[in-house]
Amino acid sequence: MKKKSWITLAVIGIVILIAVIILTRSHPGTSEEIAKCIGKHSELYIQLGCSACQAQENMFGKNTKYLTIIDCWFEREKCSGIEYTPTWIIKGEKYTGVQSIETLQNLTGCK
């Protein structure tokens, strides 16, 4: 029984890893204008070692620098109330998990 459980967990882990790789490579990056607008109207909470956080950042490509990013590994005092990463705070509301660029545009009003 234990061997089957480990195999199942390994398969699930591999599928998740492949999905993250596909997601991070398939997006060419967000335009500078959109990244600046989203960054101006939101905060992104991430954590060192979080693969979903890395996938979220990769969606912005080189324009990640325009986002307001708080790394909860290094800035724990700024992360009270943040239970999961990545978490976006937009207009006072929390949105956990990887969000598409289109969703972020809708939430921030950045078209």
C-alpha atoms as a PDB file:
ATOM      1  CA  MET A   1       0.000   0.000   0.000  1.00  0.00           C
ATOM      2  CA  LYS A   2       2.710   2.484   0.910  1.00  0.00           C
ATOM      3  CA  LYS A   3       4.561   1.900  -2.346  1.00  0.00           C
ATOM      4  CA  LYS A   4       1.424   2.723  -4.365  1.00  0.00           C
ATOM      5  CA  SER A   5       0.910   5.911  -2.356  1.00  0.00           C
ATOM      6  CA  TRP A   6       4.463   7.060  -3.041  1.00  0.00           C
ATOM      7  CA  ILE A   7       4.127   6.294  -6.728  1.00  0.00           C
ATOM      8  CA  THR A   8       0.855   8.237  -6.888  1.00  0.00           C
ATOM      9  CA  LEU A   9       2.433  11.219  -5.119  1.00  0.00           C
ATOM     10  CA  ALA A  10       5.439  11.090  -7.451  1.00  0.00           C
ATOM     11  CA  VAL A  11       3.191  11.074 -10.527  1.00  0.00           C
ATOM     12  CA  ILE A  12       1.155  14.003  -9.193  1.00  0.00           C
ATOM     13  CA  GLY A  13       4.363  15.927  -8.452  1.00  0.00           C
ATOM     14  CA  ILE A  14       5.692  15.317 -11.949  1.00  0.00           C
ATOM     15  CA  VAL A  15       2.412  16.464 -13.518  1.00  0.00           C
ATOM     16  CA  ILE A  16       2.483  19.666 -11.451  1.00  0.00           C
ATOM     17  CA  LEU A  17       6.104  20.316 -12.410  1.00  0.00           C
ATOM     18  CA  ILE A  18       5.343  19.839 -16.105  1.00  0.00           C
ATOM     19  CA  ALA A  19       2.337  22.183 -15.837  1.00  0.00           C
ATOM     20  CA  VAL A  20       4.475  24.885 -14.203  1.00  0.00           C
ATOM     21  CA  ILE A  21       7.140  24.533 -16.897  1.00  0.00           C
ATOM     22  CA  ILE A  22       4.546  24.786 -19.675  1.00  0.00           C
ATOM     23  CA  LEU A  23       2.861  27.806 -18.063  1.00  0.00           C
ATOM     24  CA  THR A  24       6.104  29.674 -17.558  1.00  0.00           C
ATOM     25  CA  ARG A  25       7.407  29.050 -21.063  1.00  0.00           C
ATOM     26  CA  SER A  26       4.211  29.623 -22.998  1.00  0.00           C
ATOM     27  CA  HIS A  27       3.719  33.269 -22.015  1.00  0.00           C
ATOM     28  CA  PRO A  28       5.992  35.743 -23.821  1.00  0.00           C
ATOM     29  CA  GLY A  29       5.652  38.364 -21.099  1.00  0.00           C
ATOM     30  CA  THR A  30       3.296  41.214 -20.487  1.00  0.00           C
ATOM     31  CA  SER A  31       3.705  44.607 -22.097  1.00  0.00           C
ATOM     32  CA  GLU A  32       5.457  47.303 -20.107  1.00  0.00           C
ATOM     33  CA  GLU A  33       2.348  49.479 -20.079  1.00  0.00           C
ATOM     34  CA  ILE A  34       0.103  46.728 -18.684  1.00  0.00           C
ATOM     35  CA  ALA A  35       2.719  45.639 -16.111  1.00  0.00           C
ATOM     36  CA  LYS A  36       3.131  49.245 -14.895  1.00  0.00           C
ATOM     37  CA  CYS A  37      -0.619  49.682 -14.551  1.00  0.00           C
ATOM     38  CA  ILE A  38      -1.118  46.376 -12.715  1.00  0.00           C
ATOM     39  CA  GLY A  39       1.850  47.166 -10.461  1.00  0.00           C
ATOM     40  CA  LYS A  40       0.436  50.585  -9.637  1.00  0.00           C
ATOM     41  CA  HIS A  41      -2.946  49.165  -8.610  1.00  0.00           C
ATOM     42  CA  SER A  42      -1.936  45.979  -6.780  1.00  0.00           C
ATOM     43  CA  GLU A  43       0.498  44.204  -4.495  1.00  0.00           C
ATOM     44  CA  LEU A  44       1.832  40.706  -5.126  1.00  0.00           C
ATOM     45  CA  TYR A  45       2.834  38.633  -2.101  1.00  0.00           C
ATOM     46  CA  ILE A  46       5.248  35.817  -2.885  1.00  0.00           C
ATOM     47  CA  GLN A  47       7.630  33.577  -0.988  1.00  0.00           C
ATOM     48  CA  LEU A  48      11.089  32.234  -1.699  1.00  0.00           C
ATOM     49  CA  GLY A  49      10.856  28.689  -3.044  1.00  0.00           C
ATOM     50  CA  CYS A  50       7.247  29.002  -4.216  1.00  0.00           C
ATOM     51  CA  SER A  51       6.998  27.536  -7.733  1.00  0.00           C
ATOM     52  CA  ALA A  52       3.536  29.025  -8.294  1.00  0.00           C
ATOM     53  CA  CYS A  53       4.956  32.443  -7.366  1.00  0.00           C
ATOM     54  CA  GLN A  54       7.729  31.978  -9.899  1.00  0.00           C
ATOM     55  CA  ALA A  55       5.181  31.003 -12.555  1.00  0.00           C
ATOM     56  CA  GLN A  56       3.172  34.160 -11.753  1.00  0.00           C
ATOM     57  CA  GLU A  57       6.245  36.376 -12.044  1.00  0.00           C
ATOM     58  CA  ASN A  58       7.303  34.698 -15.286  1.00  0.00           C
ATOM     59  CA  MET A  59       4.028  35.774 -16.884  1.00  0.00           C
ATOM     60  CA  PHE A  60       5.329  39.339 -16.741  1.00  0.00           C
ATOM     61  CA  GLY A  61       8.709  38.489 -18.234  1.00  0.00           C
ATOM     62  CA  LYS A  62      11.229  41.324 -17.978  1.00  0.00           C
ATOM     63  CA  ASN A  63       8.455  43.680 -16.858  1.00  0.00           C
ATOM     64  CA  THR A  64       8.187  42.026 -13.436  1.00  0.00           C
ATOM     65  CA  LYS A  65      10.250  44.981 -12.210  1.00  0.00           C
ATOM     66  CA  TYR A  66       7.145  47.189 -12.453  1.00  0.00           C
ATOM     67  CA  LEU A  67       5.138  45.076 -10.009  1.00  0.00           C
ATOM     68  CA  THR A  68       4.859  45.847  -6.317  1.00  0.00           C
ATOM     69  CA  ILE A  69       6.205  42.584  -4.910  1.00  0.00           C
ATOM     70  CA  ILE A  70       6.525  41.667  -1.242  1.00  0.00           C
ATOM     71  CA  ASP A  71       8.524  38.501  -0.533  1.00  0.00           C
ATOM     72  CA  CYS A  72       7.114  37.048   2.679  1.00  0.00           C
ATOM     73  CA  TRP A  73      10.278  35.025   3.259  1.00  0.00           C
ATOM     74  CA  PHE A  74      12.336  38.193   3.690  1.00  0.00           C
ATOM     75  CA  GLU A  75       9.631  40.680   4.741  1.00  0.00           C
ATOM     76  CA  ARG A  76       7.533  38.636   7.172  1.00  0.00           C
ATOM     77  CA  GLU A  77       6.378  41.712   9.074  1.00  0.00           C
ATOM     78  CA  LYS A  78       4.552  42.933   5.936  1.00  0.00           C
ATOM     79  CA  CYS A  79       2.742  39.641   5.429  1.00  0.00           C
ATOM     80  CA  SER A  80       0.356  39.380   8.359  1.00  0.00           C
ATOM     81  CA  GLY A  81      -2.917  38.050   7.038  1.00  0.00           C
ATOM     82  CA  ILE A  82      -1.281  36.409   4.020  1.00  0.00           C
ATOM     83  CA  GLU A  83      -1.911  32.669   4.322  1.00  0.00           C
ATOM     84  CA  TYR A  84      -0.902  31.453   0.854  1.00  0.00           C
ATOM     85  CA  THR A  85       1.410  32.619  -1.885  1.00  0.00           C
ATOM     86  CA  PRO A  86       1.060  33.963  -4.437  1.00  0.00           C
ATOM     87  CA  THR A  87      -1.568  36.370  -3.163  1.00  0.00           C
ATOM     88  CA  TRP A  88      -2.614  39.541  -4.950  1.00  0.00           C
ATOM     89  CA  ILE A  89      -4.190  42.430  -3.055  1.00  0.00           C
ATOM     90  CA  ILE A  90      -6.259  44.599  -5.364  1.00  0.00           C
ATOM     91  CA  LYS A  91      -8.639  47.275  -4.103  1.00  0.00           C
ATOM     92  CA  GLY A  92      -8.439  45.797  -0.611  1.00  0.00           C
ATOM     93  CA  GLU A  93      -9.444  42.279  -1.756  1.00  0.00           C
ATOM     94  CA  LYS A  94      -7.213  39.177  -1.635  1.00  0.00           C
ATOM     95  CA  TYR A  95      -6.864  36.879  -4.627  1.00  0.00           C
ATOM     96  CA  THR A  96      -4.823  33.737  -3.966  1.00  0.00           C
ATOM     97  CA  GLY A  97      -3.140  31.543  -6.529  1.00  0.00           C
ATOM     98  CA  VAL A  98      -1.746  32.262  -9.959  1.00  0.00           C
ATOM     99  CA  GLN A  99      -3.941  34.797 -11.773  1.00  0.00           C
ATOM    100  CA  SER A 100      -4.027  35.251 -15.530  1.00  0.00           C
ATOM    101  CA  ILE A 101      -2.963  38.590 -16.968  1.00  0.00           C
ATOM    102  CA  GLU A 102      -6.501  39.060 -18.264  1.00  0.00           C
ATOM    103  CA  THR A 103      -7.948  38.516 -14.772  1.00  0.00           C
ATOM    104  CA  LEU A 104      -5.458  40.992 -13.287  1.00  0.00           C
ATOM    105  CA  GLN A 105      -6.355  43.530 -15.956  1.00  0.00           C
ATOM    106  CA  ASN A 106     -10.056  43.166 -15.140  1.00  0.00           C
ATOM    107  CA  LEU A 107      -9.494  43.388 -11.385  1.00  0.00           C
ATOM    108  CA  THR A 108      -7.242  46.455 -11.625  1.00  0.00           C
ATOM    109  CA  GLY A 109      -9.055  48.191 -14.471  1.00  0.00           C
ATOM    110  CA  CYS A 110      -5.913  48.090 -16.635  1.00  0.00           C
ATOM    111  CA  LYS A 111      -6.979  47.564 -20.244  1.00  0.00           C
END
